[in-house]
Structure formats: C-alpha cells, structure tokens
Amino acid sequence: MKRVVIIGGVAAGMSAASQLRRMKEKEEVEILVFEKGGDISYSACGMPYYLSGVVKEKDDLVARTKQEFEERNISVHLFHEVKEVNHTKKYIVVQNVKTQTEKEVTYDELIIATGTSAVKPNFMSDNMPNVCTLKSLEDSERIYTYLQAHSVEKVTIIGGGYVGMEVAEAMKALGKEVRVIEQGKQILSILDQEMAEHLQKQLDDDILFHFEEEVEALLHSDGSVTHVQTNSQTYQTDLVIVNVGVRPNTQFLERNGLRMLENGAILVNEKLETNVPHIYAAGDCATSYHRVLKKDVHIALGTIANKQGRVLGYRLGGENREFPGVVGTSIVKVMDYEIGKTGISEREARENSLLYKAITAEAPSHASYYPGAEKIVIKLVYHPETKEILGVQMIGKEGVAKRIDVFATAITCRLTTDEITMLDLSYAPPFATVWDAVQIAAQKAE
C-alpha cells in the first residue's frame, strides 16, 4: 500500500488529503497528516469576525474535525511537529509536542503544507499577556479571552496590511479606540499609494493612523504592556496586536536541498513538484506562478492553498491535473468599504519593467435614481498596445466584490478593454447601471 504523508493540517494539506481519499479507497493509499498545532481545517480568514462577535463560536470556523477526517480513513496526528525530512531514505522525524518523544515515519510521497507563521519583531517577547499576533485559531482564542477578562479601551495595531485592517474593524465594532502604526507610507501595501490614501481619508474619523513610524519598544508595568514607543512618539495602550507579515514554515527543510525564494517559500512547478523527487509543496509555504508577471511569487491566500491542495490530491490519485497559476485576486472589508485587487498594481508594473498605462475612473454602484447608490473608484493598469488588462484596484461601499471577480476573469482570459466593454453583463437599477462600472473603467482605457 502506498503511504502519503502530509505535513500541515489546515487548508492545502487537508484539501489534498480529502481529494486523494475521494479518488482512492483506504486499501490503496494510506494517508497520514501531522499537524504541529491543535486545530485543523479551519478558516483563518474568519478569525477577525470571531473577535468582533459576528461569528459567535470559534468552532464555527472549523470546516471538519479530526474525528470527521478519521471517519474517512485519513489519520490525523495533532500536536506533532516534523523536525526533519530525510529525502534520500524517505522518512520524516516527528516529535510529539506534548511528550517530546520522537519517531521516524516512512513515506512514499510527501506533501509539505506547513503554511506560514507570523513575523515576531524583536520588541515582542513571550511573557507579554496583552501582546498578540493573529495567525492561528489559538491566537484568536487568546485575544478573545483577554478581551473578555480585562478592561480594554485602547487597542494598538502594529501593521496596516489586510489582517491588521480587519482587526482594526473588529476592535472598532467592539467600541475600542483603535490606533494603527505602520512603518510604511500607507495601509494595504498591495495598493498603489493614491488608492490607499483615498481609503485612509475615508477611515480617518474611525481609526487613528500613524505612518512612517517604527516601533522601538513596548513599555510595561506589572507584566502588561501599557505604552507603545516609536521613533516619533509614545502611545498609551491596553492591548497590542502585531501583524507585520508572515514567514513560510520551511526552516526545518534547509538541509534537503529544496529550491526556495529568498523568504523561504518552496519553489514548485505546475504539478506542485519540488526539485526533490517524491516531495511536493502546496499552500502558503509554496510559490505560485503569476500569470501577469510570468514568474514564481509567494502569495499567502486560502483560495490558492485550497486549489493547490486539490490539484495535488488529483495528481497523487492518478489524474494528470496541473495548477495553472494565479493573478493574485483578493478582497478585504474595512469598516463600510470593500477593497479589491487583482493582477498587478502600477508600482508592480514599474518594478518589473513592464510596458503599461494606468487610468483611474469613478462609477456608481447602481443606477443613481435607485436609493443607496455609492461611488466606486477603479484603477486600471493595462498594456498600451494590446489593451489587455494587467491589474485592477477597486474601492467602494458596495459592488466591489462582484466586479473584482469580473476583472480577475478578464485578466485570466486576457481580455482587452474593448472586449470587456462588450461583455454581456447583468443590469437592473438596484444592481448596476446600463454601462456597468466595469465597462465604464474599460471605456476610459480604450
């Protein structure tokens, strides 16, 4: 019987295990999953909404439990950390986190789906009860418990990326004073600066922003942090949530000769194969081929992780599928605003020396005579000769989620601005205008 070992039990790992089991009965393939933490198959994207109370129970974020997987003959080992991979003899060394005992487990095929960990700057230490990251389900429970047990009025968020801004919204929903400290010039660094600044102006009444400030120290009293000290000022706080980036969990593989990006993301091909035979990688610890940039990139998104895992399940089950690559589509809700991006920004086009033009358009979310129409700001990056769309950024109070997916499809299919203008999109006054916002932007780029 062939044995497939999977390291990591969240999105990519469990997607691969599930698809493989659907294709192969238990007599044909043995599937073993080793997960360092105590939770599997959960939605990390839902954690800010658990903190705010929109999601009532932490367990609601779990797609399937350990028991449910084991009922399908997928053997799941929680609190087991893989310390070493011996790719020449095809075995792994696994440590039981609770007992500290180790054992060797052989494999025929190995899937690395270890995800990422939150970057912890030097000013953080383990003995700070009111300083947290938000990367795992355990992190979310720690923050939730602290909020329930302590009087928290002022929350400081270090880092203005997607997670940081989602947490800012969650804390604001709980009635907290929210301060965001960002080392760069803007929030949401995936956006071009003028788009980010447009959003910041809309949020200024709700969130205190501090840009180009670097945190130097966390000052504490009686064991808890009371102030955040930057290179400019010192701010009083009751809770600090740090979200300054993630790092692929691949340090234990350094001796295996796996090709990686500089940040540790494992390079894979369209078959999710690494350069080492019988070792595959998927999810946040692996790369994806970017269909616009035409190179391997690291984009840590649950959508990508689940697709890569599914492709691996098919492949190891005997079906010749490939992962076609990504265009980096993402969306985030911050207060009343939806912010979407797909493809590349103008900055990315410039940094990669691509030929491009960029325009910014404004369009209503639906017919102006129907109540509640809101303005959508759309930035298009496109090729000046072929008129193919290279990237789109959108900000608005409604209708962004629907339309960013149209643009993601257009980029994937290499549609031109003229072809987008002539798309047969739906129209009714509550939902759109006769010329949809997508087409209004495309017309401006023709």
Protein backbone atom coordinates (compact mmCIF):
# COMPACT_ATOMS: atom_id res chain seq x y z
CA MET A 1 0.00 0.00 0.00
CA LYS A 2 1.30 3.45 -0.92
CA ARG A 3 1.77 5.86 2.01
CA VAL A 4 1.25 9.59 1.53
CA VAL A 5 2.46 11.76 4.39
CA ILE A 6 1.20 15.32 4.70
CA ILE A 7 2.92 17.88 6.92
CA GLY A 8 0.37 20.54 7.89
CA GLY A 9 -3.34 20.14 8.52
CA VAL A 10 -5.05 23.38 7.55
CA ALA A 11 -6.06 24.48 4.03
CA ALA A 12 -3.73 22.90 1.47
CA GLY A 13 -2.91 19.78 3.46
CA MET A 14 -6.48 18.80 4.25
CA SER A 15 -7.70 19.73 0.77
CA ALA A 16 -5.09 17.36 -0.67
CA ALA A 17 -5.98 14.61 1.81
CA SER A 18 -9.71 14.91 1.12
CA GLN A 19 -9.36 14.85 -2.67
CA LEU A 20 -6.92 11.96 -2.58
CA ARG A 21 -9.25 9.92 -0.38
CA ARG A 22 -12.18 10.63 -2.70
CA MET A 23 -10.16 9.08 -5.52
CA LYS A 24 -8.53 6.20 -3.68
CA GLU A 25 -10.01 3.75 -1.20
CA LYS A 26 -8.24 3.02 2.07
CA GLU A 27 -6.84 -0.28 0.74
CA GLU A 28 -4.95 1.58 -1.99
CA VAL A 29 -3.47 4.59 -0.16
CA GLU A 30 -2.65 5.28 3.47
CA ILE A 31 -2.88 9.00 4.32
CA LEU A 32 -1.09 10.36 7.39
CA VAL A 33 -1.35 14.01 8.44
CA PHE A 34 0.95 15.61 11.03
CA GLU A 35 -0.10 18.98 12.43
CA LYS A 36 2.03 20.94 14.89
CA GLY A 37 -0.96 22.72 16.46
CA GLY A 38 -4.19 21.52 17.98
CA ASP A 39 -6.56 22.66 15.22
CA ILE A 40 -7.09 21.53 11.64
CA SER A 41 -9.11 22.56 8.62
CA TYR A 42 -10.16 25.97 9.93
CA SER A 43 -10.80 29.32 8.28
CA ALA A 44 -8.11 31.75 9.38
CA CYS A 45 -9.86 34.44 7.33
CA GLY A 46 -12.83 34.27 9.68
CA MET A 47 -10.87 34.97 12.87
CA PRO A 48 -11.33 38.78 12.94
CA TYR A 49 -15.10 38.20 12.74
CA TYR A 50 -14.92 35.82 15.70
CA LEU A 51 -13.18 38.57 17.69
CA SER A 52 -15.87 41.11 16.79
CA GLY A 53 -18.73 38.73 17.62
CA VAL A 54 -20.05 38.43 14.06
CA VAL A 55 -19.05 34.76 14.26
CA LYS A 56 -20.45 33.54 17.56
CA GLU A 57 -18.39 30.43 18.20
CA LYS A 58 -14.76 29.63 17.42
CA ASP A 59 -15.82 26.12 16.35
CA ASP A 60 -17.91 27.69 13.57
CA LEU A 61 -14.61 28.40 11.81
CA VAL A 62 -13.70 24.70 11.65
CA ALA A 63 -14.70 23.05 8.36
CA ARG A 64 -14.09 19.45 9.50
CA THR A 65 -12.88 17.99 12.77
CA LYS A 66 -10.17 15.40 13.37
CA GLN A 67 -12.88 12.81 14.00
CA GLU A 68 -14.61 13.58 10.71
CA PHE A 69 -11.37 13.12 8.78
CA GLU A 70 -10.57 9.90 10.59
CA GLU A 71 -14.04 8.56 9.75
CA ARG A 72 -12.89 8.91 6.14
CA ASN A 73 -9.70 6.94 6.89
CA ILE A 74 -7.41 9.95 6.99
CA SER A 75 -5.14 9.56 10.01
CA VAL A 76 -4.62 12.93 11.73
CA HIS A 77 -1.95 13.48 14.40
CA LEU A 78 -2.34 16.79 16.25
CA PHE A 79 0.46 18.35 18.31
CA HIS A 80 3.05 16.55 16.18
CA GLU A 81 5.87 18.64 14.74
CA VAL A 82 8.05 17.37 11.93
CA LYS A 83 11.63 18.17 12.88
CA GLU A 84 13.48 16.63 9.95
CA VAL A 85 12.99 15.18 6.48
CA ASN A 86 15.39 12.57 5.15
CA HIS A 87 14.71 12.68 1.43
CA THR A 88 17.31 10.07 0.50
CA LYS A 89 15.85 7.36 2.77
CA LYS A 90 12.30 8.80 2.50
CA TYR A 91 11.35 9.22 6.13
CA ILE A 92 10.48 12.08 8.46
CA VAL A 93 11.29 12.60 12.13
CA VAL A 94 8.19 13.59 14.09
CA GLN A 95 8.12 14.96 17.63
CA ASN A 96 5.09 14.72 19.90
CA VAL A 97 4.88 18.32 21.15
CA LYS A 98 3.36 17.27 24.48
CA THR A 99 5.61 14.32 25.40
CA GLN A 100 8.70 15.48 23.47
CA THR A 101 9.14 11.93 22.17
CA GLU A 102 10.30 11.40 18.58
CA LYS A 103 9.73 8.73 15.97
CA GLU A 104 10.58 8.06 12.34
CA VAL A 105 7.79 7.70 9.79
CA THR A 106 8.49 6.50 6.25
CA TYR A 107 6.71 7.82 3.18
CA ASP A 108 6.27 7.06 -0.50
CA GLU A 109 5.09 10.58 -1.33
CA LEU A 110 5.48 13.64 0.90
CA ILE A 111 3.37 16.81 0.82
CA ILE A 112 4.69 19.89 2.61
CA ALA A 113 1.78 22.14 3.55
CA THR A 114 3.20 23.83 6.63
CA GLY A 115 1.81 27.31 5.91
CA THR A 116 3.32 30.43 7.42
CA SER A 117 3.97 31.90 10.85
CA ALA A 118 3.54 35.48 11.97
CA VAL A 119 6.72 37.51 12.00
CA LYS A 120 7.52 38.48 15.59
CA PRO A 121 9.67 41.63 15.78
CA ASN A 122 12.42 41.99 18.38
CA PHE A 123 10.25 44.14 20.62
CA MET A 124 7.94 41.16 21.29
CA SER A 125 8.51 38.55 23.96
CA ASP A 126 6.56 35.53 25.18
CA ASN A 127 5.84 36.99 28.63
CA MET A 128 3.61 39.83 27.40
CA PRO A 129 -0.02 38.73 28.02
CA ASN A 130 -1.59 41.67 26.17
CA VAL A 131 0.64 41.50 23.08
CA CYS A 132 -0.56 39.07 20.41
CA THR A 133 -0.35 38.11 16.78
CA LEU A 134 -3.36 36.81 14.83
CA LYS A 135 -2.29 33.87 12.69
CA SER A 136 -3.77 30.73 14.24
CA LEU A 137 -7.04 29.72 15.83
CA GLU A 138 -5.13 29.58 19.11
CA ASP A 139 -4.13 33.24 18.62
CA SER A 140 -7.75 34.25 18.11
CA GLU A 141 -8.83 32.46 21.29
CA ARG A 142 -6.05 34.15 23.25
CA ILE A 143 -7.16 37.61 22.11
CA TYR A 144 -10.84 36.80 22.64
CA THR A 145 -10.18 35.54 26.18
CA TYR A 146 -8.10 38.59 27.05
CA LEU A 147 -10.83 40.94 25.84
CA GLN A 148 -13.39 39.11 27.97
CA ALA A 149 -11.25 39.12 31.12
CA HIS A 150 -9.80 42.64 31.05
CA SER A 151 -10.94 46.21 30.67
CA VAL A 152 -9.63 47.14 27.22
CA GLU A 153 -10.31 50.62 25.88
CA LYS A 154 -7.31 51.39 23.68
CA VAL A 155 -6.08 48.89 21.09
CA THR A 156 -2.87 49.41 19.12
CA ILE A 157 -2.41 47.51 15.89
CA ILE A 158 1.10 47.34 14.50
CA GLY A 159 0.99 46.81 10.76
CA GLY A 160 -1.60 48.07 8.29
CA GLY A 161 -1.94 45.07 6.00
CA TYR A 162 -5.08 43.05 5.29
CA VAL A 163 -5.19 41.31 8.67
CA GLY A 164 -4.28 44.47 10.55
CA MET A 165 -7.13 46.38 8.95
CA GLU A 166 -9.63 43.58 9.50
CA VAL A 167 -8.64 43.52 13.17
CA ALA A 168 -8.97 47.31 13.29
CA GLU A 169 -12.56 46.94 12.10
CA ALA A 170 -13.21 44.17 14.64
CA MET A 171 -11.90 46.25 17.53
CA LYS A 172 -13.85 49.29 16.39
CA ALA A 173 -17.00 47.17 16.29
CA LEU A 174 -16.37 46.36 19.97
CA GLY A 175 -16.25 50.06 20.77
CA LYS A 176 -12.49 50.33 21.26
CA GLU A 177 -10.25 53.26 20.40
CA VAL A 178 -8.13 51.89 17.56
CA ARG A 179 -4.66 53.08 16.58
CA VAL A 180 -2.73 51.68 13.61
CA ILE A 181 1.04 52.15 13.47
CA GLU A 182 2.56 51.48 10.06
CA GLN A 183 6.24 51.64 9.20
CA GLY A 184 5.47 52.44 5.57
CA LYS A 185 3.71 55.38 3.97
CA GLN A 186 0.29 53.72 3.63
CA ILE A 187 -2.02 50.95 4.69
CA LEU A 188 -2.59 47.94 2.40
CA SER A 189 0.76 47.97 0.64
CA ILE A 190 -0.61 45.88 -2.25
CA LEU A 191 -2.45 49.02 -3.40
CA ASP A 192 -0.88 51.94 -5.20
CA GLN A 193 -0.31 54.84 -2.83
CA GLU A 194 -3.00 57.17 -4.16
CA MET A 195 -5.62 54.42 -3.84
CA ALA A 196 -4.54 53.68 -0.27
CA GLU A 197 -4.62 57.38 0.57
CA HIS A 198 -8.16 57.66 -0.79
CA LEU A 199 -9.23 54.89 1.59
CA GLN A 200 -7.31 56.36 4.52
CA LYS A 201 -9.20 59.64 4.18
CA GLN A 202 -12.49 57.76 4.45
CA LEU A 203 -11.31 55.96 7.60
CA ASP A 204 -9.71 58.88 9.42
CA ASP A 205 -12.79 59.51 11.59
CA ASP A 206 -12.77 55.93 12.88
CA ILE A 207 -9.11 54.92 13.12
CA LEU A 208 -6.00 56.79 14.28
CA PHE A 209 -3.24 56.29 11.70
CA HIS A 210 0.49 56.82 12.22
CA PHE A 211 2.65 56.35 9.14
CA GLU A 212 6.42 56.11 8.74
CA GLU A 213 6.79 55.27 12.42
CA GLU A 214 8.85 52.34 13.63
CA VAL A 215 8.08 50.66 16.94
CA GLU A 216 11.15 50.67 19.14
CA ALA A 217 9.85 49.25 22.42
CA LEU A 218 6.80 48.10 24.33
CA LEU A 219 6.75 49.64 27.80
CA HIS A 220 5.13 47.59 30.54
CA SER A 221 4.01 47.74 34.13
CA ASP A 222 3.07 44.79 36.37
CA GLY A 223 3.70 42.41 33.49
CA SER A 224 1.38 44.07 30.95
CA VAL A 225 2.29 46.49 28.19
CA THR A 226 0.96 49.98 28.86
CA HIS A 227 2.63 52.05 26.13
CA VAL A 228 4.00 51.62 22.61
CA GLN A 229 7.12 53.64 21.93
CA THR A 230 8.00 54.52 18.34
CA ASN A 231 10.79 56.58 16.84
CA SER A 232 8.41 59.56 17.00
CA GLN A 233 6.05 59.26 19.97
CA THR A 234 4.79 57.11 22.82
CA TYR A 235 1.15 55.90 22.85
CA GLN A 236 -0.89 54.54 25.74
CA THR A 237 -2.50 51.15 25.08
CA ASP A 238 -4.37 48.28 26.74
CA LEU A 239 -3.84 45.68 24.02
CA VAL A 240 -1.31 45.35 21.19
CA ILE A 241 -1.94 43.18 18.12
CA VAL A 242 1.09 42.74 15.87
CA ASN A 243 0.63 41.92 12.18
CA VAL A 244 3.77 42.87 10.31
CA GLY A 245 3.97 39.97 7.90
CA VAL A 246 4.37 36.21 7.65
CA ARG A 247 7.21 33.79 7.00
CA PRO A 248 6.88 30.33 5.39
CA ASN A 249 7.38 27.48 7.87
CA THR A 250 10.20 25.83 5.96
CA GLN A 251 13.24 26.30 8.20
CA PHE A 252 13.33 22.57 9.05
CA LEU A 253 13.90 21.77 5.35
CA GLU A 254 17.09 23.76 4.83
CA ARG A 255 19.27 20.64 4.61
CA ASN A 256 17.12 18.95 1.99
CA GLY A 257 18.28 20.97 -1.00
CA LEU A 258 14.81 22.27 -1.81
CA ARG A 259 14.82 25.34 -4.03
CA MET A 260 13.18 28.31 -2.31
CA LEU A 261 12.59 32.00 -2.73
CA GLU A 262 14.59 34.31 -0.50
CA ASN A 263 11.79 34.37 2.08
CA GLY A 264 11.73 30.56 2.35
CA ALA A 265 8.75 29.82 0.08
CA ILE A 266 9.30 26.48 -1.66
CA LEU A 267 9.53 26.66 -5.43
CA VAL A 268 7.13 24.32 -7.20
CA ASN A 269 6.15 23.72 -10.82
CA GLU A 270 2.65 23.45 -12.30
CA LYS A 271 2.48 19.89 -10.92
CA LEU A 272 3.26 21.18 -7.41
CA GLU A 273 6.52 19.22 -7.54
CA THR A 274 9.65 20.49 -5.81
CA ASN A 275 13.11 19.84 -7.20
CA VAL A 276 13.43 16.81 -4.88
CA PRO A 277 11.73 13.61 -6.12
CA HIS A 278 8.59 12.49 -4.25
CA ILE A 279 8.33 15.78 -2.34
CA TYR A 280 5.53 18.22 -3.17
CA ALA A 281 4.55 21.55 -1.63
CA ALA A 282 1.30 23.50 -1.57
CA GLY A 283 -0.36 26.44 0.15
CA ASP A 284 1.17 29.35 2.00
CA CYS A 285 4.60 27.71 2.26
CA ALA A 286 4.87 27.33 -1.53
CA THR A 287 5.11 29.55 -4.58
CA SER A 288 2.59 30.14 -7.36
CA TYR A 289 3.17 31.09 -10.97
CA HIS A 290 1.88 34.62 -11.56
CA ARG A 291 0.12 34.77 -14.91
CA VAL A 292 0.75 38.50 -15.41
CA LEU A 293 4.28 38.79 -14.03
CA LYS A 294 5.18 35.43 -15.61
CA LYS A 295 7.32 34.36 -12.68
CA ASP A 296 7.03 32.44 -9.40
CA VAL A 297 5.74 34.51 -6.50
CA HIS A 298 4.66 33.95 -2.91
CA ILE A 299 1.04 34.91 -2.22
CA ALA A 300 -0.39 33.52 1.02
CA LEU A 301 -4.13 33.21 0.38
CA GLY A 302 -6.58 30.49 1.39
CA THR A 303 -8.08 30.40 -2.09
CA ILE A 304 -4.73 29.46 -3.61
CA ALA A 305 -3.92 26.95 -0.86
CA ASN A 306 -7.17 25.05 -1.31
CA LYS A 307 -6.79 24.88 -5.09
CA GLN A 308 -3.19 23.70 -4.90
CA GLY A 309 -4.14 21.04 -2.36
CA ARG A 310 -6.97 19.84 -4.56
CA VAL A 311 -4.67 19.56 -7.59
CA LEU A 312 -2.20 17.52 -5.52
CA GLY A 313 -4.98 15.20 -4.40
CA TYR A 314 -5.92 14.61 -8.02
CA ARG A 315 -2.32 14.04 -9.09
CA LEU A 316 -1.44 11.59 -6.33
CA GLY A 317 -4.73 9.86 -7.03
CA GLY A 318 -3.62 9.23 -10.61
CA GLU A 319 -5.28 12.07 -12.53
CA ASN A 320 -2.98 14.35 -14.51
CA ARG A 321 -4.07 17.81 -13.36
CA GLU A 322 -1.97 20.97 -13.18
CA PHE A 323 -2.17 24.21 -11.24
CA PRO A 324 -2.39 26.97 -13.88
CA GLY A 325 -1.18 29.87 -11.75
CA VAL A 326 -2.72 32.94 -10.16
CA VAL A 327 -3.47 36.59 -10.77
CA GLY A 328 -3.46 37.45 -7.06
CA THR A 329 -7.14 38.27 -6.56
CA SER A 330 -8.05 39.41 -3.07
CA ILE A 331 -10.65 41.47 -1.27
CA VAL A 332 -10.98 42.91 2.22
CA LYS A 333 -13.72 44.71 4.13
CA VAL A 334 -12.65 47.66 6.28
CA MET A 335 -15.47 49.44 8.11
CA ASP A 336 -18.01 50.37 5.40
CA TYR A 337 -15.62 49.84 2.49
CA GLU A 338 -14.81 46.95 0.18
CA ILE A 339 -11.28 46.97 -1.23
CA GLY A 340 -10.40 44.59 -4.05
CA LYS A 341 -7.31 43.93 -6.13
CA THR A 342 -6.47 41.54 -8.96
CA GLY A 343 -3.49 41.34 -11.26
CA ILE A 344 -0.71 43.84 -10.65
CA SER A 345 -0.53 47.41 -9.42
CA GLU A 346 1.13 50.26 -11.26
CA ARG A 347 4.02 50.00 -8.83
CA GLU A 348 4.49 46.31 -9.62
CA ALA A 349 4.35 47.01 -13.35
CA ARG A 350 7.04 49.64 -12.95
CA GLU A 351 9.24 47.46 -10.69
CA ASN A 352 9.06 44.61 -13.21
CA SER A 353 9.80 46.90 -16.18
CA LEU A 354 6.51 46.10 -17.91
CA LEU A 355 5.01 48.29 -20.62
CA TYR A 356 1.78 49.74 -19.23
CA LYS A 357 -0.67 52.58 -18.94
CA ALA A 358 -2.87 53.38 -15.96
CA ILE A 359 -6.16 55.23 -15.58
CA THR A 360 -8.48 55.92 -12.67
CA ALA A 361 -12.25 56.06 -13.11
CA GLU A 362 -15.24 56.65 -10.88
CA ALA A 363 -18.58 54.93 -11.42
CA PRO A 364 -21.80 54.42 -9.46
CA SER A 365 -22.51 51.04 -7.85
CA HIS A 366 -26.00 51.08 -9.36
CA ALA A 367 -28.49 53.44 -11.01
CA SER A 368 -28.35 56.87 -9.40
CA TYR A 369 -32.15 57.17 -9.25
CA TYR A 370 -32.40 53.97 -7.21
CA PRO A 371 -31.73 54.70 -3.49
CA GLY A 372 -28.33 53.98 -1.98
CA ALA A 373 -26.02 54.31 -4.98
CA GLU A 374 -22.37 54.62 -3.92
CA LYS A 375 -19.24 55.70 -5.77
CA ILE A 376 -16.70 53.07 -6.79
CA VAL A 377 -13.13 54.19 -7.50
CA ILE A 378 -11.42 51.93 -10.05
CA LYS A 379 -7.78 51.97 -11.10
CA LEU A 380 -6.92 50.05 -14.27
CA VAL A 381 -3.42 49.04 -15.33
CA TYR A 382 -3.31 47.82 -18.92
CA HIS A 383 -0.98 47.20 -21.85
CA PRO A 384 -0.92 50.29 -24.10
CA GLU A 385 -0.63 48.29 -27.34
CA THR A 386 -2.64 45.09 -26.86
CA LYS A 387 -5.10 46.78 -24.42
CA GLU A 388 -5.07 43.66 -22.27
CA ILE A 389 -5.85 44.31 -18.59
CA LEU A 390 -2.83 43.79 -16.32
CA GLY A 391 -4.33 44.77 -12.98
CA VAL A 392 -7.24 46.43 -11.21
CA GLN A 393 -7.77 48.05 -7.82
CA MET A 394 -11.23 49.00 -6.56
CA ILE A 395 -12.60 50.82 -3.51
CA GLY A 396 -16.26 51.37 -2.71
CA LYS A 397 -19.03 50.81 -0.21
CA GLU A 398 -20.83 48.21 -2.30
CA GLY A 399 -20.43 46.25 -5.52
CA VAL A 400 -16.64 45.82 -5.42
CA ALA A 401 -16.70 42.09 -4.64
CA LYS A 402 -18.92 41.35 -7.65
CA ARG A 403 -16.81 43.37 -10.04
CA ILE A 404 -13.28 42.45 -8.97
CA ASP A 405 -14.11 38.87 -9.95
CA VAL A 406 -15.16 40.05 -13.42
CA PHE A 407 -11.76 41.69 -13.80
CA ALA A 408 -9.98 38.59 -12.44
CA THR A 409 -11.70 36.55 -15.14
CA ALA A 410 -10.80 39.13 -17.76
CA ILE A 411 -7.12 39.08 -16.80
CA THR A 412 -7.04 35.28 -16.75
CA CYS A 413 -8.63 35.13 -20.20
CA ARG A 414 -6.51 38.04 -21.47
CA LEU A 415 -9.48 40.13 -22.49
CA THR A 416 -8.92 43.57 -23.98
CA THR A 417 -10.61 46.77 -22.86
CA ASP A 418 -12.86 46.61 -25.94
CA GLU A 419 -13.90 43.04 -25.18
CA ILE A 420 -14.68 43.99 -21.58
CA THR A 421 -16.79 46.92 -22.79
CA MET A 422 -18.84 44.49 -24.87
CA LEU A 423 -19.33 41.86 -22.17
CA ASP A 424 -22.96 40.90 -21.70
CA LEU A 425 -23.13 41.88 -18.02
CA SER A 426 -26.33 41.91 -15.99
CA TYR A 427 -28.27 45.11 -15.44
CA ALA A 428 -31.15 46.20 -13.23
CA PRO A 429 -31.34 49.55 -11.38
CA PRO A 430 -30.72 48.08 -7.89
CA PHE A 431 -27.51 46.36 -9.02
CA ALA A 432 -25.82 48.29 -11.83
CA THR A 433 -26.06 50.98 -14.46
CA VAL A 434 -26.69 50.25 -18.16
CA TRP A 435 -22.95 50.51 -18.67
CA ASP A 436 -21.62 48.70 -15.61
CA ALA A 437 -18.78 50.20 -13.55
CA VAL A 438 -16.50 47.52 -15.04
CA GLN A 439 -17.29 48.77 -18.53
CA ILE A 440 -17.08 52.46 -17.64
CA ALA A 441 -13.50 51.90 -16.48
CA ALA A 442 -12.67 49.80 -19.56
CA GLN A 443 -14.05 52.50 -21.87
CA LYS A 444 -11.79 55.08 -20.28
CA ALA A 445 -8.79 52.86 -21.00
CA GLU A 446 -9.58 52.29 -24.69
